[in-house]
C-alpha atoms as a PDB file:
ATOM      1  CA  UNK A   1       0.000   0.000   0.000  1.00  0.00           C
ATOM      2  CA  UNK A   2       2.735   2.451   0.979  1.00  0.00           C
ATOM      3  CA  UNK A   3       4.322   2.235  -2.493  1.00  0.00           C
ATOM      4  CA  UNK A   4       1.273   4.051  -3.905  1.00  0.00           C
ATOM      5  CA  UNK A   5       1.421   6.998  -1.483  1.00  0.00           C
ATOM      6  CA  UNK A   6       4.044   9.052  -3.409  1.00  0.00           C
ATOM      7  CA  UNK A   7       2.175   8.497  -6.693  1.00  0.00           C
ATOM      8  CA  UNK A   8      -1.054   9.606  -5.016  1.00  0.00           C
ATOM      9  CA  UNK A   9       0.658  12.834  -3.935  1.00  0.00           C
ATOM     10  CA  UNK A  10       1.952  13.296  -7.497  1.00  0.00           C
ATOM     11  CA  UNK A  11      -1.590  12.851  -8.814  1.00  0.00           C
ATOM     12  CA  UNK A  12      -2.693  15.619  -6.424  1.00  0.00           C
ATOM     13  CA  UNK A  13      -0.056  17.784  -8.110  1.00  0.00           C
ATOM     14  CA  UNK A  14      -1.538  16.897 -11.507  1.00  0.00           C
ATOM     15  CA  UNK A  15      -5.083  17.643 -10.355  1.00  0.00           C
ATOM     16  CA  UNK A  16      -3.935  20.990  -8.938  1.00  0.00           C
ATOM     17  CA  UNK A  17      -2.418  21.842 -12.311  1.00  0.00           C
ATOM     18  CA  UNK A  18      -5.630  20.920 -14.132  1.00  0.00           C
ATOM     19  CA  UNK A  19      -7.651  23.125 -11.761  1.00  0.00           C
ATOM     20  CA  UNK A  20      -5.163  25.958 -12.341  1.00  0.00           C
ATOM     21  CA  UNK A  21      -5.637  25.687 -16.118  1.00  0.00           C
ATOM     22  CA  UNK A  22      -9.422  25.805 -15.725  1.00  0.00           C
ATOM     23  CA  UNK A  23      -9.209  28.804 -13.375  1.00  0.00           C
ATOM     24  CA  UNK A  24      -6.841  30.689 -15.686  1.00  0.00           C
ATOM     25  CA  UNK A  25      -9.100  30.202 -18.702  1.00  0.00           C
ATOM     26  CA  UNK A  26     -12.027  31.594 -16.692  1.00  0.00           C
ATOM     27  CA  UNK A  27     -10.067  34.616 -15.495  1.00  0.00           C
ATOM     28  CA  UNK A  28      -9.797  33.482 -11.861  1.00  0.00           C
ATOM     29  CA  UNK A  29      -6.161  34.486 -11.464  1.00  0.00           C
ATOM     30  CA  UNK A  30      -6.057  34.166  -7.664  1.00  0.00           C
ATOM     31  CA  UNK A  31      -7.450  30.630  -7.797  1.00  0.00           C
ATOM     32  CA  UNK A  32      -5.100  29.663 -10.635  1.00  0.00           C
ATOM     33  CA  UNK A  33      -2.076  30.900  -8.686  1.00  0.00           C
ATOM     34  CA  UNK A  34      -3.283  29.118  -5.535  1.00  0.00           C
ATOM     35  CA  UNK A  35      -3.605  25.850  -7.451  1.00  0.00           C
ATOM     36  CA  UNK A  36      -0.133  26.200  -8.982  1.00  0.00           C
ATOM     37  CA  UNK A  37       1.319  26.847  -5.523  1.00  0.00           C
ATOM     38  CA  UNK A  38      -0.577  23.835  -4.166  1.00  0.00           C
ATOM     39  CA  UNK A  39       0.884  21.761  -6.991  1.00  0.00           C
ATOM     40  CA  UNK A  40       4.362  22.990  -6.021  1.00  0.00           C
ATOM     41  CA  UNK A  41       3.782  21.813  -2.447  1.00  0.00           C
ATOM     42  CA  UNK A  42       2.667  18.368  -3.643  1.00  0.00           C
ATOM     43  CA  UNK A  43       5.653  18.259  -6.012  1.00  0.00           C
ATOM     44  CA  UNK A  44       7.993  18.952  -3.089  1.00  0.00           C
ATOM     45  CA  UNK A  45       6.549  16.213  -0.891  1.00  0.00           C
ATOM     46  CA  UNK A  46       6.095  13.365  -3.375  1.00  0.00           C
ATOM     47  CA  UNK A  47       9.827  12.816  -3.844  1.00  0.00           C
ATOM     48  CA  UNK A  48      10.506  13.299  -0.129  1.00  0.00           C
ATOM     49  CA  UNK A  49       7.865  10.734   0.831  1.00  0.00           C
ATOM     50  CA  UNK A  50       9.164   8.269  -1.767  1.00  0.00           C
ATOM     51  CA  UNK A  51      12.672   8.516  -0.289  1.00  0.00           C
ATOM     52  CA  UNK A  52      11.434   8.236   3.307  1.00  0.00           C
ATOM     53  CA  UNK A  53       9.370   5.147   2.507  1.00  0.00           C
ATOM     54  CA  UNK A  54      12.081   3.709   0.219  1.00  0.00           C
ATOM     55  CA  UNK A  55       9.570   3.226  -2.583  1.00  0.00           C
ATOM     56  CA  UNK A  56      11.123   5.312  -5.384  1.00  0.00           C
ATOM     57  CA  UNK A  57      10.316   3.847  -8.782  1.00  0.00           C
ATOM     58  CA  UNK A  58      10.762   4.631 -12.501  1.00  0.00           C
ATOM     59  CA  UNK A  59       6.999   5.025 -12.927  1.00  0.00           C
ATOM     60  CA  UNK A  60       6.951   7.579 -10.120  1.00  0.00           C
ATOM     61  CA  UNK A  61       9.640   9.595 -11.873  1.00  0.00           C
ATOM     62  CA  UNK A  62       7.736   9.568 -15.165  1.00  0.00           C
ATOM     63  CA  UNK A  63       4.435  10.411 -13.471  1.00  0.00           C
ATOM     64  CA  UNK A  64       6.121  13.312 -11.675  1.00  0.00           C
ATOM     65  CA  UNK A  65       7.296  14.797 -14.981  1.00  0.00           C
ATOM     66  CA  UNK A  66       3.849  14.390 -16.564  1.00  0.00           C
ATOM     67  CA  UNK A  67       2.259  16.216 -13.624  1.00  0.00           C
ATOM     68  CA  UNK A  68       4.907  18.951 -13.770  1.00  0.00           C
ATOM     69  CA  UNK A  69       4.237  19.559 -17.478  1.00  0.00           C
ATOM     70  CA  UNK A  70       0.654  20.461 -16.578  1.00  0.00           C
ATOM     71  CA  UNK A  71       1.238  22.358 -13.322  1.00  0.00           C
ATOM     72  CA  UNK A  72       4.444  24.186 -14.261  1.00  0.00           C
ATOM     73  CA  UNK A  73       4.085  24.222 -18.054  1.00  0.00           C
ATOM     74  CA  UNK A  74       0.493  24.380 -19.256  1.00  0.00           C
ATOM     75  CA  UNK A  75      -0.948  26.235 -16.232  1.00  0.00           C
ATOM     76  CA  UNK A  76       1.472  29.209 -16.316  1.00  0.00           C
ATOM     77  CA  UNK A  77       1.053  29.282 -20.108  1.00  0.00           C
ATOM     78  CA  UNK A  78      -2.693  29.582 -19.575  1.00  0.00           C
ATOM     79  CA  UNK A  79      -2.067  32.492 -17.194  1.00  0.00           C
ATOM     80  CA  UNK A  80       0.148  34.146 -19.806  1.00  0.00           C
ATOM     81  CA  UNK A  81      -2.532  33.512 -22.455  1.00  0.00           C
ATOM     82  CA  UNK A  82      -5.062  35.485 -20.406  1.00  0.00           C
ATOM     83  CA  UNK A  83      -2.621  38.240 -19.474  1.00  0.00           C
ATOM     84  CA  UNK A  84      -1.596  38.674 -23.110  1.00  0.00           C
ATOM     85  CA  UNK A  85      -5.248  38.984 -24.101  1.00  0.00           C
ATOM     86  CA  UNK A  86      -5.815  41.715 -21.516  1.00  0.00           C
ATOM     87  CA  UNK A  87      -2.598  43.602 -22.299  1.00  0.00           C
ATOM     88  CA  UNK A  88      -3.355  43.560 -26.027  1.00  0.00           C
ATOM     89  CA  UNK A  89      -6.223  45.957 -25.346  1.00  0.00           C
ATOM     90  CA  UNK A  90      -3.706  48.441 -23.894  1.00  0.00           C
ATOM     91  CA  UNK A  91      -0.921  47.967 -26.456  1.00  0.00           C
ATOM     92  CA  UNK A  92      -0.396  50.947 -28.822  1.00  0.00           C
ATOM     93  CA  UNK A  93       0.417  48.963 -31.997  1.00  0.00           C
ATOM     94  CA  UNK A  94      -2.708  46.782 -31.822  1.00  0.00           C
ATOM     95  CA  UNK A  95      -5.110  49.410 -33.270  1.00  0.00           C
ATOM     96  CA  UNK A  96      -2.682  49.862 -36.181  1.00  0.00           C
ATOM     97  CA  UNK A  97      -2.774  46.140 -36.952  1.00  0.00           C
ATOM     98  CA  UNK A  98      -6.549  46.088 -36.638  1.00  0.00           C
ATOM     99  CA  UNK A  99      -6.663  48.854 -39.215  1.00  0.00           C
ATOM    100  CA  UNK A 100      -4.924  46.590 -41.749  1.00  0.00           C
ATOM    101  CA  UNK A 101      -7.761  44.438 -42.985  1.00  0.00           C
ATOM    102  CA  UNK A 102      -5.993  41.161 -43.699  1.00  0.00           C
ATOM    103  CA  UNK A 103      -3.984  41.307 -40.439  1.00  0.00           C
ATOM    104  CA  UNK A 104      -6.965  41.973 -38.169  1.00  0.00           C
ATOM    105  CA  UNK A 105      -8.067  38.308 -37.798  1.00  0.00           C
ATOM    106  CA  UNK A 106      -4.574  37.275 -36.683  1.00  0.00           C
ATOM    107  CA  UNK A 107      -4.424  39.735 -33.773  1.00  0.00           C
ATOM    108  CA  UNK A 108      -6.862  37.666 -31.713  1.00  0.00           C
ATOM    109  CA  UNK A 109      -4.558  34.657 -32.087  1.00  0.00           C
ATOM    110  CA  UNK A 110      -1.472  36.397 -30.641  1.00  0.00           C
ATOM    111  CA  UNK A 111      -2.126  35.076 -27.084  1.00  0.00           C
ATOM    112  CA  UNK A 112      -1.873  31.491 -28.398  1.00  0.00           C
ATOM    113  CA  UNK A 113       1.898  32.093 -28.616  1.00  0.00           C
ATOM    114  CA  UNK A 114       1.879  31.675 -24.822  1.00  0.00           C
ATOM    115  CA  UNK A 115       1.572  27.908 -25.182  1.00  0.00           C
ATOM    116  CA  UNK A 116       4.989  27.753 -26.786  1.00  0.00           C
ATOM    117  CA  UNK A 117       6.225  28.092 -23.208  1.00  0.00           C
ATOM    118  CA  UNK A 118       4.476  24.823 -22.320  1.00  0.00           C
ATOM    119  CA  UNK A 119       6.417  23.096 -25.095  1.00  0.00           C
ATOM    120  CA  UNK A 120       9.726  24.481 -23.782  1.00  0.00           C
ATOM    121  CA  UNK A 121       8.752  23.305 -20.290  1.00  0.00           C
ATOM    122  CA  UNK A 122       8.141  19.781 -21.594  1.00  0.00           C
ATOM    123  CA  UNK A 123      11.566  19.759 -23.278  1.00  0.00           C
ATOM    124  CA  UNK A 124      13.156  21.042 -20.044  1.00  0.00           C
ATOM    125  CA  UNK A 125      11.580  18.231 -18.009  1.00  0.00           C
ATOM    126  CA  UNK A 126      12.554  15.577 -20.561  1.00  0.00           C
ATOM    127  CA  UNK A 127      16.157  16.815 -20.498  1.00  0.00           C
ATOM    128  CA  UNK A 128      16.149  16.824 -16.690  1.00  0.00           C
ATOM    129  CA  UNK A 129      15.092  13.163 -16.577  1.00  0.00           C
ATOM    130  CA  UNK A 130      17.992  12.122 -18.794  1.00  0.00           C
ATOM    131  CA  UNK A 131      20.694  14.558 -17.675  1.00  0.00           C
ATOM    132  CA  UNK A 132      22.975  13.051 -15.007  1.00  0.00           C
ATOM    133  CA  UNK A 133      24.661  16.435 -14.452  1.00  0.00           C
ATOM    134  CA  UNK A 134      21.660  17.837 -12.554  1.00  0.00           C
ATOM    135  CA  UNK A 135      21.971  15.889  -9.313  1.00  0.00           C
ATOM    136  CA  UNK A 136      23.327  18.780  -7.203  1.00  0.00           C
ATOM    137  CA  UNK A 137      22.539  21.779  -9.454  1.00  0.00           C
ATOM    138  CA  UNK A 138      20.375  22.709 -12.423  1.00  0.00           C
ATOM    139  CA  UNK A 139      21.138  23.177 -16.104  1.00  0.00           C
ATOM    140  CA  UNK A 140      18.623  25.748 -17.286  1.00  0.00           C
ATOM    141  CA  UNK A 141      15.773  27.361 -15.381  1.00  0.00           C
ATOM    142  CA  UNK A 142      13.657  24.859 -13.372  1.00  0.00           C
ATOM    143  CA  UNK A 143      10.000  24.758 -14.453  1.00  0.00           C
ATOM    144  CA  UNK A 144       8.658  25.582 -10.940  1.00  0.00           C
ATOM    145  CA  UNK A 145      10.736  28.788 -10.935  1.00  0.00           C
ATOM    146  CA  UNK A 146       9.290  29.770 -14.315  1.00  0.00           C
ATOM    147  CA  UNK A 147       5.774  29.037 -13.035  1.00  0.00           C
ATOM    148  CA  UNK A 148       6.357  31.161  -9.918  1.00  0.00           C
ATOM    149  CA  UNK A 149       7.511  34.029 -12.124  1.00  0.00           C
ATOM    150  CA  UNK A 150       4.210  34.059 -14.033  1.00  0.00           C
ATOM    151  CA  UNK A 151       2.181  33.574 -10.850  1.00  0.00           C
ATOM    152  CA  UNK A 152       3.844  36.683  -9.485  1.00  0.00           C
ATOM    153  CA  UNK A 153       3.142  38.616 -12.684  1.00  0.00           C
ATOM    154  CA  UNK A 154      -0.536  37.644 -12.488  1.00  0.00           C
ATOM    155  CA  UNK A 155      -0.871  38.546  -8.800  1.00  0.00           C
ATOM    156  CA  UNK A 156       0.802  41.929  -9.312  1.00  0.00           C
ATOM    157  CA  UNK A 157      -1.686  42.937 -12.016  1.00  0.00           C
ATOM    158  CA  UNK A 158       1.137  43.551 -14.485  1.00  0.00           C
ATOM    159  CA  UNK A 159      -1.273  43.091 -17.412  1.00  0.00           C
ATOM    160  CA  UNK A 160      -2.676  46.553 -16.640  1.00  0.00           C
ATOM    161  CA  UNK A 161       0.597  48.333 -17.436  1.00  0.00           C
ATOM    162  CA  UNK A 162       2.837  45.936 -19.405  1.00  0.00           C
ATOM    163  CA  UNK A 163       2.420  45.798 -23.181  1.00  0.00           C
ATOM    164  CA  UNK A 164       1.914  42.604 -25.151  1.00  0.00           C
ATOM    165  CA  UNK A 165       5.398  43.144 -26.602  1.00  0.00           C
ATOM    166  CA  UNK A 166       6.887  43.060 -23.093  1.00  0.00           C
ATOM    167  CA  UNK A 167       5.055  39.828 -22.298  1.00  0.00           C
ATOM    168  CA  UNK A 168       6.186  38.197 -25.524  1.00  0.00           C
ATOM    169  CA  UNK A 169       9.812  39.175 -24.909  1.00  0.00           C
ATOM    170  CA  UNK A 170       9.666  37.919 -21.323  1.00  0.00           C
ATOM    171  CA  UNK A 171       8.073  34.646 -22.441  1.00  0.00           C
ATOM    172  CA  UNK A 172      10.750  34.181 -25.102  1.00  0.00           C
ATOM    173  CA  UNK A 173      13.585  34.927 -22.657  1.00  0.00           C
ATOM    174  CA  UNK A 174      12.286  32.563 -19.969  1.00  0.00           C
ATOM    175  CA  UNK A 175      11.447  29.826 -22.487  1.00  0.00           C
ATOM    176  CA  UNK A 176      15.021  29.928 -23.765  1.00  0.00           C
ATOM    177  CA  UNK A 177      16.297  29.885 -20.179  1.00  0.00           C
ATOM    178  CA  UNK A 178      14.352  26.674 -19.561  1.00  0.00           C
ATOM    179  CA  UNK A 179      16.455  24.798 -22.120  1.00  0.00           C
ATOM    180  CA  UNK A 180      19.672  26.839 -21.958  1.00  0.00           C
ATOM    181  CA  UNK A 181      22.941  25.095 -21.119  1.00  0.00           C
ATOM    182  CA  UNK A 182      23.512  27.476 -18.209  1.00  0.00           C
ATOM    183  CA  UNK A 183      24.305  26.010 -14.764  1.00  0.00           C
ATOM    184  CA  UNK A 184      22.125  27.369 -11.963  1.00  0.00           C
ATOM    185  CA  UNK A 185      22.882  26.654  -8.319  1.00  0.00           C
ATOM    186  CA  UNK A 186      20.500  24.582  -6.203  1.00  0.00           C
ATOM    187  CA  UNK A 187      19.466  25.568  -2.670  1.00  0.00           C
ATOM    188  CA  UNK A 188      20.831  22.398  -1.083  1.00  0.00           C
ATOM    189  CA  UNK A 189      22.959  22.829   2.041  1.00  0.00           C
ATOM    190  CA  UNK A 190      25.419  20.051   2.904  1.00  0.00           C
ATOM    191  CA  UNK A 191      26.740  22.204   5.757  1.00  0.00           C
ATOM    192  CA  UNK A 192      26.283  25.767   7.038  1.00  0.00           C
ATOM    193  CA  UNK A 193      29.752  27.150   6.299  1.00  0.00           C
ATOM    194  CA  UNK A 194      30.029  30.471   4.458  1.00  0.00           C
ATOM    195  CA  UNK A 195      32.790  29.201   2.183  1.00  0.00           C
ATOM    196  CA  UNK A 196      30.712  26.347   0.771  1.00  0.00           C
ATOM    197  CA  UNK A 197      27.409  28.238   0.626  1.00  0.00           C
ATOM    198  CA  UNK A 198      28.307  31.889   0.002  1.00  0.00           C
ATOM    199  CA  UNK A 199      26.207  32.205  -3.172  1.00  0.00           C
ATOM    200  CA  UNK A 200      23.198  30.662  -1.416  1.00  0.00           C
ATOM    201  CA  UNK A 201      23.449  33.023   1.553  1.00  0.00           C
ATOM    202  CA  UNK A 202      23.776  36.000  -0.791  1.00  0.00           C
ATOM    203  CA  UNK A 203      20.710  34.774  -2.700  1.00  0.00           C
ATOM    204  CA  UNK A 204      18.644  34.417   0.486  1.00  0.00           C
ATOM    205  CA  UNK A 205      19.725  37.866   1.676  1.00  0.00           C
ATOM    206  CA  UNK A 206      18.622  39.337  -1.662  1.00  0.00           C
ATOM    207  CA  UNK A 207      15.269  37.584  -1.310  1.00  0.00           C
ATOM    208  CA  UNK A 208      14.735  39.192   2.097  1.00  0.00           C
ATOM    209  CA  UNK A 209      15.195  42.579   0.446  1.00  0.00           C
ATOM    210  CA  UNK A 210      13.016  41.851  -2.602  1.00  0.00           C
ATOM    211  CA  UNK A 211      10.004  40.452  -0.724  1.00  0.00           C
ATOM    212  CA  UNK A 212       9.011  43.702   1.091  1.00  0.00           C
ATOM    213  CA  UNK A 213      10.084  45.881  -1.844  1.00  0.00           C
ATOM    214  CA  UNK A 214       8.179  44.068  -4.613  1.00  0.00           C
ATOM    215  CA  UNK A 215       5.379  42.462  -2.571  1.00  0.00           C
ATOM    216  CA  UNK A 216       3.109  40.494  -4.932  1.00  0.00           C
ATOM    217  CA  UNK A 217       5.698  40.780  -7.702  1.00  0.00           C
ATOM    218  CA  UNK A 218       8.474  39.472  -5.451  1.00  0.00           C
ATOM    219  CA  UNK A 219       8.634  35.988  -7.032  1.00  0.00           C
ATOM    220  CA  UNK A 220       9.303  37.536 -10.440  1.00  0.00           C
ATOM    221  CA  UNK A 221      12.117  39.586  -8.948  1.00  0.00           C
ATOM    222  CA  UNK A 222      13.492  36.571  -7.071  1.00  0.00           C
ATOM    223  CA  UNK A 223      13.607  34.445 -10.234  1.00  0.00           C
ATOM    224  CA  UNK A 224      15.495  37.188 -12.106  1.00  0.00           C
ATOM    225  CA  UNK A 225      17.833  37.609  -9.103  1.00  0.00           C
ATOM    226  CA  UNK A 226      18.413  33.822  -9.050  1.00  0.00           C
ATOM    227  CA  UNK A 227      19.352  33.692 -12.737  1.00  0.00           C
ATOM    228  CA  UNK A 228      21.624  36.750 -12.602  1.00  0.00           C
ATOM    229  CA  UNK A 229      23.390  35.558  -9.448  1.00  0.00           C
ATOM    230  CA  UNK A 230      23.923  32.115 -10.999  1.00  0.00           C
ATOM    231  CA  UNK A 231      25.499  33.664 -14.097  1.00  0.00           C
ATOM    232  CA  UNK A 232      27.787  35.862 -11.971  1.00  0.00           C
ATOM    233  CA  UNK A 233      28.717  32.826  -9.857  1.00  0.00           C
ATOM    234  CA  UNK A 234      29.526  30.823 -13.007  1.00  0.00           C
ATOM    235  CA  UNK A 235      31.784  33.606 -14.299  1.00  0.00           C
ATOM    236  CA  UNK A 236      33.587  33.937 -10.978  1.00  0.00           C
ATOM    237  CA  UNK A 237      34.043  30.174 -10.701  1.00  0.00           C
ATOM    238  CA  UNK A 238      35.423  29.964 -14.248  1.00  0.00           C
ATOM    239  CA  UNK A 239      37.805  32.850 -13.516  1.00  0.00           C
ATOM    240  CA  UNK A 240      39.070  31.239 -10.293  1.00  0.00           C
ATOM    241  CA  UNK A 241      39.752  27.981 -12.145  1.00  0.00           C
ATOM    242  CA  UNK A 242      41.842  29.873 -14.714  1.00  0.00           C
ATOM    243  CA  UNK A 243      43.842  31.563 -11.937  1.00  0.00           C
END
């Protein structure tokens, strides 16, 4: 019986993702974000429970990725789809396109581009399953981090002041980061020494500053901070190896 417990938790993650997609399509941003966050909690505990019960299995690993594609791929894409639709109404170049007869029908399909991010998320998860380099760090942006970014954008009401162009550029940048061959540090502490964990302590200190400053948009700021700090850390590590 206990071997099914982790898979049951993973299925709760999947169901949370499905509910988030439904909520996003109906414009219930708060509910969609809540469901994505609930999925993240289930995603955290399924692997932990599997290790504690010593019931890890290949099917559990595959099921986990399938659930993550929905919760951290399709659901944030659905949020972006809605936010793009809203921001299009406030984007200056949209009326110009609508004035060009043959282009007008295509404007309503622009938000569909958001689901390209779901495809990049699926590729990211497939690579993660096969990549043996990602045991203690990440190669490319983790899908939960990308999902948290878009949750934060939805909660902050960014669609009221960001243009569709900004959303498309952000989606493109983050989609490429999902599959980029860029090492990103993981928040795993083997000990508490400053020397071994300096970048992690600096990251956490930055988070403490960003949370009160950015409030509902803090996760977006934290994800950007995480990527930038990882890149700086990579450059400093490469430089120290040369010296």
